[in-house]
Amino acid sequence: MDRSLPAPDSGQLLEELLDSLLADFEYWFRRGLELLELAPEALLPPSEQRRLATALTSALAELAAARALCRASPCPMALDMDAMVPWHQLMLRVWSLSSLLRQAGVVLLEPEPSSETLPGQEGEGGPRPGFD
């Protein structure tokens, strides 16, 4: 059996997985901006708040660019893992901020339930939308 050619539906699967991943990043970056508004200066100095807000805003612009490239591509495409490492690190910073806020007793408003919740996003594993 020749395994050099991808299955006909593998392109669609790749697109769906990439879209889901980018949606998760976007959710957490937007959530990070919301959490920054709740962060007291004693917990996170203004200079650090500005740096994190700038990083989140830049990452959202990068995500928009990645999505535009994916839509413009005539064939399915992937993103290099090295390109996503900074996004993963930024997402970890958002999770850390959420944890710090909760430990400090800051009441966090729960985000609106999303219609984009996928099966398996609840339960075990790391933080997911609605679990910060």
Protein backbone atom coordinates (compact mmCIF):
# COMPACT_ATOMS: atom_id res chain seq x y z
CA MET A 1 0.00 0.00 0.00
CA ASP A 2 1.39 3.38 -1.00
CA ARG A 3 1.47 5.70 2.03
CA SER A 4 3.06 8.63 0.22
CA LEU A 5 -0.29 10.16 -0.69
CA PRO A 6 -2.49 11.54 2.09
CA ALA A 7 -6.04 10.30 2.50
CA PRO A 8 -8.56 12.45 0.61
CA ASP A 9 -10.12 13.81 3.81
CA SER A 10 -6.80 14.47 5.59
CA GLY A 11 -6.73 18.04 4.30
CA GLN A 12 -10.12 18.74 5.84
CA LEU A 13 -9.00 17.16 9.11
CA LEU A 14 -5.85 19.31 9.12
CA GLU A 15 -7.93 22.44 8.52
CA GLU A 16 -10.35 21.56 11.32
CA LEU A 17 -7.56 20.81 13.79
CA LEU A 18 -5.68 23.99 12.94
CA ASP A 19 -8.84 26.09 13.17
CA SER A 20 -9.64 24.58 16.57
CA LEU A 21 -6.11 25.22 17.82
CA LEU A 22 -6.14 28.82 16.62
CA ALA A 23 -9.57 29.34 18.19
CA ASP A 24 -8.21 28.10 21.54
CA PHE A 25 -5.29 30.50 21.33
CA GLU A 26 -7.61 33.37 20.45
CA TYR A 27 -9.92 32.54 23.35
CA TRP A 28 -7.09 32.55 25.87
CA PHE A 29 -5.47 35.71 24.52
CA ARG A 30 -8.77 37.57 24.70
CA ARG A 31 -9.40 36.12 28.15
CA GLY A 32 -5.93 37.33 29.18
CA LEU A 33 -6.83 40.88 28.19
CA GLU A 34 -10.00 40.60 30.29
CA LEU A 35 -8.03 39.27 33.26
CA LEU A 36 -5.51 42.11 33.01
CA GLU A 37 -8.34 44.58 33.60
CA LEU A 38 -8.95 42.88 36.96
CA ALA A 39 -5.30 42.68 38.04
CA PRO A 40 -4.46 45.00 40.93
CA GLU A 41 -1.14 46.86 40.74
CA ALA A 42 0.01 45.11 43.91
CA LEU A 43 -0.30 41.77 42.13
CA LEU A 44 1.03 42.79 38.73
CA PRO A 45 2.89 46.08 38.33
CA PRO A 46 1.63 48.42 35.59
CA SER A 47 4.78 47.92 33.50
CA GLU A 48 4.23 44.14 33.49
CA GLN A 49 0.54 44.64 32.72
CA ARG A 50 1.49 46.78 29.71
CA ARG A 51 4.04 44.21 28.49
CA LEU A 52 1.53 41.38 28.78
CA ALA A 53 -1.22 43.42 27.10
CA THR A 54 1.15 44.26 24.24
CA ALA A 55 2.15 40.60 23.87
CA LEU A 56 -1.51 39.50 23.86
CA THR A 57 -2.51 42.14 21.33
CA SER A 58 0.41 41.21 19.07
CA ALA A 59 -0.42 37.51 19.34
CA LEU A 60 -4.04 38.22 18.36
CA ALA A 61 -2.78 40.06 15.27
CA GLU A 62 -0.46 37.14 14.46
CA LEU A 63 -3.39 34.72 14.80
CA ALA A 64 -5.47 36.85 12.44
CA ALA A 65 -2.61 36.82 9.93
CA ALA A 66 -2.22 33.04 10.24
CA ARG A 67 -5.94 32.55 9.68
CA ALA A 68 -5.88 34.85 6.65
CA LEU A 69 -2.98 32.87 5.16
CA CYS A 70 -4.81 29.61 5.76
CA ARG A 71 -7.95 30.92 4.07
CA ALA A 72 -5.94 32.29 1.14
CA SER A 73 -4.07 29.05 0.57
CA PRO A 74 -5.48 26.89 -2.22
CA CYS A 75 -4.51 23.78 -0.29
CA PRO A 76 -4.51 22.79 3.39
CA MET A 77 -1.56 24.05 5.36
CA ALA A 78 -0.06 23.65 8.79
CA LEU A 79 1.87 25.94 11.09
CA ASP A 80 5.38 25.15 12.21
CA MET A 81 5.54 24.16 15.87
CA ASP A 82 8.39 26.61 16.42
CA ALA A 83 6.08 29.42 15.31
CA MET A 84 3.52 28.37 17.92
CA VAL A 85 5.90 28.04 20.88
CA PRO A 86 5.58 31.74 21.82
CA TRP A 87 1.80 31.40 21.69
CA HIS A 88 1.93 28.41 24.03
CA GLN A 89 4.19 30.35 26.41
CA LEU A 90 1.83 33.32 26.31
CA MET A 91 -1.13 31.06 27.02
CA LEU A 92 0.74 29.70 30.05
CA ARG A 93 1.23 33.30 31.25
CA VAL A 94 -2.53 33.86 31.00
CA TRP A 95 -3.20 30.69 32.99
CA SER A 96 -0.65 31.84 35.57
CA LEU A 97 -2.33 35.26 35.79
CA SER A 98 -5.69 33.59 36.30
CA SER A 99 -4.24 31.50 39.11
CA LEU A 100 -2.62 34.54 40.75
CA LEU A 101 -5.88 36.46 40.61
CA ARG A 102 -7.81 33.60 42.18
CA GLN A 103 -5.20 33.19 44.92
CA ALA A 104 -5.43 36.91 45.63
CA GLY A 105 -9.20 36.57 46.04
CA VAL A 106 -10.10 38.52 42.91
CA VAL A 107 -13.54 37.48 41.73
CA LEU A 108 -13.29 36.43 38.10
CA LEU A 109 -16.32 36.71 35.92
CA GLU A 110 -16.93 33.49 34.10
CA PRO A 111 -16.81 33.89 30.34
CA GLU A 112 -19.96 33.42 28.33
CA PRO A 113 -20.43 29.78 27.27
CA SER A 114 -19.20 29.36 23.74
CA SER A 115 -21.06 27.56 21.02
CA GLU A 116 -17.64 26.42 19.81
CA THR A 117 -17.09 24.05 22.75
CA LEU A 118 -15.91 20.78 21.33
CA PRO A 119 -16.44 17.33 22.79
CA GLY A 120 -13.64 16.54 25.21
CA GLN A 121 -13.07 20.15 26.28
CA GLU A 122 -14.49 19.43 29.67
CA GLY A 123 -13.16 17.11 32.33
CA GLU A 124 -9.56 16.07 32.76
CA GLY A 125 -6.53 17.83 31.38
CA GLY A 126 -5.30 21.41 31.45
CA PRO A 127 -7.36 24.53 31.62
CA ARG A 128 -9.93 24.87 28.87
CA PRO A 129 -12.35 27.62 28.00
CA GLY A 130 -14.54 28.21 31.02
CA PHE A 131 -12.07 26.59 33.43
CA ASP A 132 -9.79 29.47 34.40
